[in-house]
């Protein structure tokens, strides 16, 4: 897969107002942007007449709840101590920590699991699902759904932008550069005036934005040229945000949870069982804490509701396709796809026998 930019034949006029982030404006929807399309595993659902993209925080549910619970315990202890010794600034600091904890807990307990973007090829529309802020008292809510809005835009008024974002977590603890796809909505087709912007899919790193360009090209071909919903070699978004109860209980325990066999044998670390086993035994000393944290994360994963599109939009794109139906769209009928796999396997075996 390559997301190499196609060299523009003429200068590309920039949008106004410009994007807040450092960005590169992609060619219009009627011009090719990359050699090959690829969504980068960011499509979460495929419909007969639409494709739905995940957002960049879809697989991160539960972590804020664990961090919030830890800070809550610490701030309550600080508040108790400050009250005992009558330390005014300590009480104020604990109160600020409690407010911060409240907002952290809300991240995983209130709202929807993700905020998707749906490309409706039947009506040439782009539908954006977003949470809607209510009155000031909505911040007191600590569980359940919130109000939401679905905004629909004309595909002909869409422009793509590759944005650059600096995030923590690079080599040596240094910030690293990540790239994301922003879509700008203009006030009219071929206009350079942007009314608003929204993100599509997950970010990429260490590729100069090639994956993001390829994602835009996939969307462009799907909407503009009746391209396939999923490109060859691509796959649906792997949603690991909801685990089993056993996986939650054994979270952070490499010798107990899913994949424990590979850690006992060392297969997960190039056969170095003499490293994986001691490390796993060391983490077992933290088992009580990891069980509590894992269960809290488990609750956070199931607290939020899955977004649902309004009936009119759902009828336009149709019901979500199954994995088998998506494979048919990618590879043809299952019987042909199976025969192709068997033929390839037989060819490999024959090739090995000739070498011997």
Protein backbone atom coordinates (compact mmCIF):
# COMPACT_ATOMS: atom_id res chain seq x y z
CA UNK A 1 0.00 0.00 0.00
CA UNK A 2 1.26 3.43 -0.83
CA UNK A 3 -0.23 6.79 -0.04
CA UNK A 4 2.25 8.77 -2.10
CA UNK A 5 0.81 12.09 -3.16
CA UNK A 6 0.19 12.57 -6.85
CA UNK A 7 2.08 15.65 -8.00
CA UNK A 8 -0.39 18.50 -8.56
CA UNK A 9 -0.59 19.93 -12.06
CA UNK A 10 -1.33 23.41 -10.74
CA UNK A 11 -1.01 25.26 -7.41
CA UNK A 12 -3.71 24.38 -4.90
CA UNK A 13 -5.49 27.42 -3.46
CA UNK A 14 -5.76 27.31 0.33
CA UNK A 15 -9.00 27.41 2.26
CA UNK A 16 -10.05 30.34 4.41
CA UNK A 17 -10.03 30.43 7.32
CA UNK A 18 -7.00 28.09 7.42
CA UNK A 19 -6.84 25.01 9.62
CA UNK A 20 -5.59 25.68 13.15
CA UNK A 21 -3.15 22.74 12.89
CA UNK A 22 -0.21 22.53 10.50
CA UNK A 23 -1.79 21.00 7.43
CA UNK A 24 -1.60 20.10 3.77
CA UNK A 25 -4.63 20.68 1.57
CA UNK A 26 -5.42 17.70 -0.64
CA UNK A 27 -6.65 17.96 -4.25
CA UNK A 28 -10.39 18.42 -4.89
CA UNK A 29 -12.73 15.42 -4.97
CA UNK A 30 -12.50 15.12 -8.77
CA UNK A 31 -8.69 14.75 -8.77
CA UNK A 32 -6.57 11.79 -7.70
CA UNK A 33 -4.56 12.27 -4.50
CA UNK A 34 -2.68 8.95 -4.18
CA UNK A 35 -1.65 5.97 -6.26
CA UNK A 36 -3.62 3.42 -4.26
CA UNK A 37 -6.56 3.75 -1.84
CA UNK A 38 -6.47 2.27 1.65
CA UNK A 39 -8.55 3.21 4.72
CA UNK A 40 -5.93 1.99 7.18
CA UNK A 41 -8.31 -0.23 9.15
CA UNK A 42 -10.43 2.75 10.24
CA UNK A 43 -13.77 1.57 8.79
CA UNK A 44 -15.96 0.14 11.53
CA UNK A 45 -19.10 -0.71 9.54
CA UNK A 46 -19.98 -1.31 5.90
CA UNK A 47 -23.49 -0.77 4.53
CA UNK A 48 -24.95 -1.53 1.09
CA UNK A 49 -24.69 2.19 0.29
CA UNK A 50 -22.29 3.58 2.87
CA UNK A 51 -19.12 3.19 4.91
CA UNK A 52 -18.72 4.30 8.52
CA UNK A 53 -15.43 5.47 10.04
CA UNK A 54 -14.41 5.25 13.68
CA UNK A 55 -12.85 8.15 15.59
CA UNK A 56 -9.36 8.20 17.11
CA UNK A 57 -10.42 7.42 20.71
CA UNK A 58 -12.66 4.44 19.93
CA UNK A 59 -10.43 1.79 21.53
CA UNK A 60 -9.36 3.74 24.62
CA UNK A 61 -12.39 3.35 26.88
CA UNK A 62 -11.73 2.49 30.51
CA UNK A 63 -8.35 4.10 31.05
CA UNK A 64 -9.72 7.44 32.23
CA UNK A 65 -11.92 5.62 34.75
CA UNK A 66 -8.92 3.79 36.22
CA UNK A 67 -6.88 6.99 36.44
CA UNK A 68 -9.83 8.88 37.89
CA UNK A 69 -10.40 6.22 40.56
CA UNK A 70 -6.74 6.32 41.57
CA UNK A 71 -6.78 10.11 41.83
CA UNK A 72 -10.07 9.96 43.72
CA UNK A 73 -8.55 7.71 46.39
CA UNK A 74 -5.50 9.95 46.64
CA UNK A 75 -7.48 13.18 46.84
CA UNK A 76 -9.81 11.79 49.52
CA UNK A 77 -6.79 10.75 51.59
CA UNK A 78 -5.27 14.21 51.08
CA UNK A 79 -8.54 15.88 52.10
CA UNK A 80 -8.82 13.74 55.24
CA UNK A 81 -5.23 14.50 56.24
CA UNK A 82 -5.59 18.23 55.55
CA UNK A 83 -8.73 18.42 57.68
CA UNK A 84 -7.03 16.60 60.56
CA UNK A 85 -4.05 18.96 60.65
CA UNK A 86 -6.17 22.00 59.67
CA UNK A 87 -4.14 22.76 56.56
CA UNK A 88 -6.21 25.20 54.50
CA UNK A 89 -4.17 25.02 51.28
CA UNK A 90 -4.25 21.22 51.50
CA UNK A 91 -8.06 21.28 51.61
CA UNK A 92 -8.13 23.58 48.57
CA UNK A 93 -5.71 21.33 46.65
CA UNK A 94 -7.75 18.24 47.48
CA UNK A 95 -10.93 19.98 46.33
CA UNK A 96 -9.32 20.83 42.98
CA UNK A 97 -8.19 17.21 42.59
CA UNK A 98 -11.73 16.01 43.31
CA UNK A 99 -13.10 18.26 40.56
CA UNK A 100 -10.48 16.88 38.16
CA UNK A 101 -11.42 13.34 39.16
CA UNK A 102 -15.06 14.06 38.39
CA UNK A 103 -14.22 15.10 34.83
CA UNK A 104 -11.97 12.06 34.34
CA UNK A 105 -14.72 9.70 35.50
CA UNK A 106 -17.20 11.35 33.13
CA UNK A 107 -14.94 10.59 30.16
CA UNK A 108 -15.68 6.86 30.48
CA UNK A 109 -19.15 6.91 32.03
CA UNK A 110 -21.12 9.53 30.10
CA UNK A 111 -21.95 9.74 26.42
CA UNK A 112 -21.34 7.42 23.47
CA UNK A 113 -18.56 4.94 22.77
CA UNK A 114 -17.39 6.76 19.67
CA UNK A 115 -18.45 9.51 17.27
CA UNK A 116 -18.60 8.04 13.77
CA UNK A 117 -18.61 9.64 10.33
CA UNK A 118 -20.84 8.01 7.69
CA UNK A 119 -20.29 8.41 3.95
CA UNK A 120 -23.67 7.97 2.26
CA UNK A 121 -23.03 7.18 -1.40
CA UNK A 122 -26.72 6.86 -2.28
CA UNK A 123 -27.43 10.51 -1.43
CA UNK A 124 -23.86 11.85 -1.81
CA UNK A 125 -23.94 13.01 1.80
CA UNK A 126 -21.51 12.92 4.71
CA UNK A 127 -23.16 12.42 8.12
CA UNK A 128 -21.27 13.38 11.29
CA UNK A 129 -22.36 12.07 14.71
CA UNK A 130 -21.38 14.34 17.62
CA UNK A 131 -22.32 14.80 21.25
CA UNK A 132 -24.22 17.98 22.07
CA UNK A 133 -23.48 20.04 25.15
CA UNK A 134 -26.52 20.85 27.23
CA UNK A 135 -27.08 23.41 29.99
CA UNK A 136 -24.47 23.97 32.67
CA UNK A 137 -25.93 21.34 35.00
CA UNK A 138 -25.17 18.56 32.49
CA UNK A 139 -21.66 18.40 34.00
CA UNK A 140 -23.24 16.94 37.15
CA UNK A 141 -24.31 13.84 35.25
CA UNK A 142 -22.06 10.83 35.92
CA UNK A 143 -23.75 8.04 33.96
CA UNK A 144 -25.63 7.33 30.75
CA UNK A 145 -26.28 8.96 27.40
CA UNK A 146 -26.13 12.63 26.52
CA UNK A 147 -27.88 14.65 23.84
CA UNK A 148 -26.41 14.27 20.38
CA UNK A 149 -26.69 15.78 16.92
CA UNK A 150 -26.24 14.40 13.43
CA UNK A 151 -25.00 16.95 10.92
CA UNK A 152 -25.27 16.16 7.19
CA UNK A 153 -23.16 17.80 4.50
CA UNK A 154 -23.06 17.63 0.70
CA UNK A 155 -20.18 15.53 -0.60
CA UNK A 156 -19.57 18.13 -3.33
CA UNK A 157 -18.68 20.67 -0.62
CA UNK A 158 -15.98 18.51 1.03
CA UNK A 159 -12.21 19.09 0.92
CA UNK A 160 -9.57 16.89 2.53
CA UNK A 161 -6.68 18.07 4.70
CA UNK A 162 -3.77 16.16 6.25
CA UNK A 163 -3.03 17.70 9.64
CA UNK A 164 0.03 17.27 11.84
CA UNK A 165 -0.29 16.74 15.59
CA UNK A 166 2.47 16.54 18.21
CA UNK A 167 1.72 13.94 20.88
CA UNK A 168 3.62 12.38 23.77
CA UNK A 169 4.95 8.84 23.55
CA UNK A 170 7.76 9.06 21.02
CA UNK A 171 11.21 7.46 21.17
CA UNK A 172 12.94 8.26 24.44
CA UNK A 173 9.81 9.89 25.83
CA UNK A 174 10.02 12.72 23.31
CA UNK A 175 6.96 14.04 21.47
CA UNK A 176 6.22 12.38 18.14
CA UNK A 177 4.50 13.61 15.03
CA UNK A 178 1.16 12.04 14.14
CA UNK A 179 -1.08 12.72 11.18
CA UNK A 180 -4.85 12.85 10.87
CA UNK A 181 -7.49 13.38 8.20
CA UNK A 182 -9.62 16.50 8.52
CA UNK A 183 -12.51 17.21 6.18
CA UNK A 184 -13.45 20.82 5.58
CA UNK A 185 -17.01 21.77 4.59
CA UNK A 186 -17.14 24.70 2.17
CA UNK A 187 -20.07 27.04 1.62
CA UNK A 188 -20.49 25.86 -1.99
CA UNK A 189 -18.90 23.36 -4.41
CA UNK A 190 -15.45 24.52 -5.59
CA UNK A 191 -15.49 27.30 -2.97
CA UNK A 192 -12.42 28.08 -0.85
CA UNK A 193 -14.42 29.28 2.17
CA UNK A 194 -14.51 26.65 4.92
CA UNK A 195 -17.50 26.67 7.25
CA UNK A 196 -16.37 23.92 9.63
CA UNK A 197 -14.04 20.92 9.93
CA UNK A 198 -14.18 17.43 11.44
CA UNK A 199 -11.82 14.47 11.77
CA UNK A 200 -12.19 11.06 10.13
CA UNK A 201 -10.63 7.85 11.44
CA UNK A 202 -7.57 7.15 13.54
CA UNK A 203 -4.23 8.92 13.29
CA UNK A 204 -0.99 7.55 11.82
CA UNK A 205 2.67 8.00 12.75
CA UNK A 206 6.14 7.52 11.27
CA UNK A 207 4.83 7.52 7.69
CA UNK A 208 4.83 11.20 6.77
CA UNK A 209 1.04 11.11 6.47
CA UNK A 210 1.01 8.52 3.66
CA UNK A 211 -1.73 6.46 5.31
CA UNK A 212 -3.91 9.53 5.72
CA UNK A 213 -3.54 10.46 2.05
CA UNK A 214 -4.43 6.89 1.07
CA UNK A 215 -7.51 7.06 3.33
CA UNK A 216 -8.70 10.20 1.61
CA UNK A 217 -8.16 8.56 -1.77
CA UNK A 218 -10.22 5.56 -0.64
CA UNK A 219 -13.08 7.81 0.45
CA UNK A 220 -12.83 9.87 -2.73
CA UNK A 221 -12.99 6.85 -5.01
CA UNK A 222 -15.83 5.31 -3.02
CA UNK A 223 -17.97 8.44 -3.21
CA UNK A 224 -16.84 9.78 -6.57
CA UNK A 225 -16.06 6.70 -8.69
CA UNK A 226 -18.16 3.90 -7.12
CA UNK A 227 -15.04 2.34 -5.61
CA UNK A 228 -15.19 -0.70 -3.30
CA UNK A 229 -16.18 -0.13 0.36
CA UNK A 230 -12.99 -1.82 1.56
CA UNK A 231 -9.84 -1.97 -0.54
CA UNK A 232 -7.96 -5.19 -1.14
CA UNK A 233 -5.63 -5.82 1.79
CA UNK A 234 -7.62 -3.58 4.15
CA UNK A 235 -9.82 -4.81 7.00
CA UNK A 236 -12.49 -3.59 9.38
CA UNK A 237 -11.51 -1.71 12.52
CA UNK A 238 -10.55 -4.26 15.20
CA UNK A 239 -12.61 -3.18 18.19
CA UNK A 240 -10.78 -4.26 21.36
CA UNK A 241 -12.56 -1.72 23.54
CA UNK A 242 -14.88 -4.33 25.07
CA UNK A 243 -13.12 -7.30 26.64
CA UNK A 244 -14.34 -10.44 28.36
CA UNK A 245 -14.69 -10.51 32.15
CA UNK A 246 -11.72 -12.90 32.38
CA UNK A 247 -9.58 -10.52 30.33
CA UNK A 248 -10.60 -7.70 32.68
CA UNK A 249 -9.73 -9.66 35.83
CA UNK A 250 -6.33 -10.64 34.43
CA UNK A 251 -5.51 -7.22 33.01
CA UNK A 252 -1.79 -6.41 33.21
CA UNK A 253 -1.07 -10.07 34.06
CA UNK A 254 0.84 -11.56 31.10
CA UNK A 255 1.01 -15.06 32.62
CA UNK A 256 -2.71 -15.29 33.42
CA UNK A 257 -4.78 -13.46 30.84
CA UNK A 258 -5.42 -14.05 27.13
CA UNK A 259 -2.17 -14.90 25.35
CA UNK A 260 -0.60 -16.30 28.53
CA UNK A 261 0.68 -19.39 26.68
CA UNK A 262 2.86 -17.26 24.41
CA UNK A 263 4.31 -15.51 27.46
CA UNK A 264 5.04 -18.78 29.29
CA UNK A 265 6.84 -20.17 26.22
CA UNK A 266 8.44 -16.87 25.28
CA UNK A 267 6.85 -16.81 21.82
CA UNK A 268 5.62 -13.28 22.46
CA UNK A 269 9.22 -12.04 22.86
CA UNK A 270 11.28 -13.95 20.30
CA UNK A 271 11.46 -17.07 22.48
CA UNK A 272 12.94 -15.25 25.49
CA UNK A 273 10.92 -17.12 28.15
CA UNK A 274 13.68 -16.35 30.66
CA UNK A 275 12.56 -12.71 30.41
CA UNK A 276 8.78 -13.03 30.04
CA UNK A 277 8.32 -15.46 32.95
CA UNK A 278 10.23 -13.41 35.59
CA UNK A 279 8.45 -10.26 34.46
CA UNK A 280 5.07 -12.03 34.67
CA UNK A 281 5.84 -13.34 38.16
CA UNK A 282 6.80 -9.82 39.22
CA UNK A 283 3.47 -8.42 38.00
CA UNK A 284 1.63 -11.08 40.03
CA UNK A 285 2.70 -9.25 43.19
CA UNK A 286 0.40 -6.45 42.00
CA UNK A 287 -2.52 -8.81 41.33
CA UNK A 288 -4.97 -7.26 43.85
CA UNK A 289 -4.44 -3.78 42.40
CA UNK A 290 -4.55 -4.99 38.79
CA UNK A 291 -7.83 -6.88 39.39
CA UNK A 292 -9.49 -3.76 40.81
CA UNK A 293 -8.14 -1.61 37.98
CA UNK A 294 -9.18 -4.19 35.38
CA UNK A 295 -12.73 -4.38 36.73
CA UNK A 296 -13.02 -0.59 36.76
CA UNK A 297 -11.83 -0.50 33.16
CA UNK A 298 -14.35 -3.23 32.32
CA UNK A 299 -17.18 -1.11 33.74
CA UNK A 300 -15.96 1.87 31.74
CA UNK A 301 -15.97 -0.18 28.53
CA UNK A 302 -19.66 -1.05 28.89
CA UNK A 303 -20.94 2.19 30.42
CA UNK A 304 -21.34 4.09 27.17
CA UNK A 305 -23.95 3.44 24.50
CA UNK A 306 -23.20 2.66 20.87
CA UNK A 307 -24.27 5.49 18.54
CA UNK A 308 -27.32 4.95 16.34
CA UNK A 309 -28.17 6.84 13.16
CA UNK A 310 -31.63 8.37 12.65
CA UNK A 311 -34.10 6.14 10.81
CA UNK A 312 -34.02 8.21 7.61
CA UNK A 313 -30.24 7.90 7.30
CA UNK A 314 -30.31 4.21 8.23
CA UNK A 315 -32.86 3.52 5.51
CA UNK A 316 -30.71 5.38 3.00
CA UNK A 317 -27.55 3.31 3.54
CA UNK A 318 -29.25 0.02 4.51
CA UNK A 319 -28.48 -2.46 7.28
CA UNK A 320 -24.84 -3.16 8.27
CA UNK A 321 -23.24 -5.98 6.29
CA UNK A 322 -21.80 -9.07 7.95
CA UNK A 323 -18.13 -10.02 7.73
CA UNK A 324 -18.93 -12.71 5.16
CA UNK A 325 -20.87 -10.25 3.02
CA UNK A 326 -17.95 -7.82 3.14
CA UNK A 327 -15.58 -10.58 2.00
CA UNK A 328 -17.83 -11.18 -0.99
CA UNK A 329 -17.50 -7.50 -1.90
CA UNK A 330 -13.71 -7.73 -1.60
CA UNK A 331 -12.96 -11.13 -3.12
CA UNK A 332 -16.12 -12.28 -4.92
CA UNK A 333 -18.31 -15.17 -3.86
CA UNK A 334 -17.05 -17.22 -0.95
CA UNK A 335 -16.73 -20.39 -3.06
CA UNK A 336 -14.41 -18.59 -5.49
CA UNK A 337 -12.49 -17.00 -2.65
CA UNK A 338 -12.03 -20.40 -0.97
CA UNK A 339 -10.88 -21.98 -4.23
CA UNK A 340 -8.37 -19.19 -4.73
CA UNK A 341 -6.92 -19.78 -1.27
CA UNK A 342 -6.71 -23.54 -1.84
CA UNK A 343 -5.09 -23.05 -5.25
CA UNK A 344 -2.50 -20.69 -3.77
CA UNK A 345 -1.75 -23.16 -0.97
CA UNK A 346 -1.38 -26.02 -3.45
CA UNK A 347 0.96 -23.93 -5.61
CA UNK A 348 3.16 -23.18 -2.59
CA UNK A 349 3.31 -26.87 -1.68
CA UNK A 350 4.22 -27.83 -5.24
CA UNK A 351 6.90 -25.18 -5.30
CA UNK A 352 8.43 -26.53 -2.08
CA UNK A 353 8.39 -30.11 -3.42
CA UNK A 354 10.25 -29.01 -6.56
CA UNK A 355 12.92 -27.33 -4.46
CA UNK A 356 13.41 -30.52 -2.44
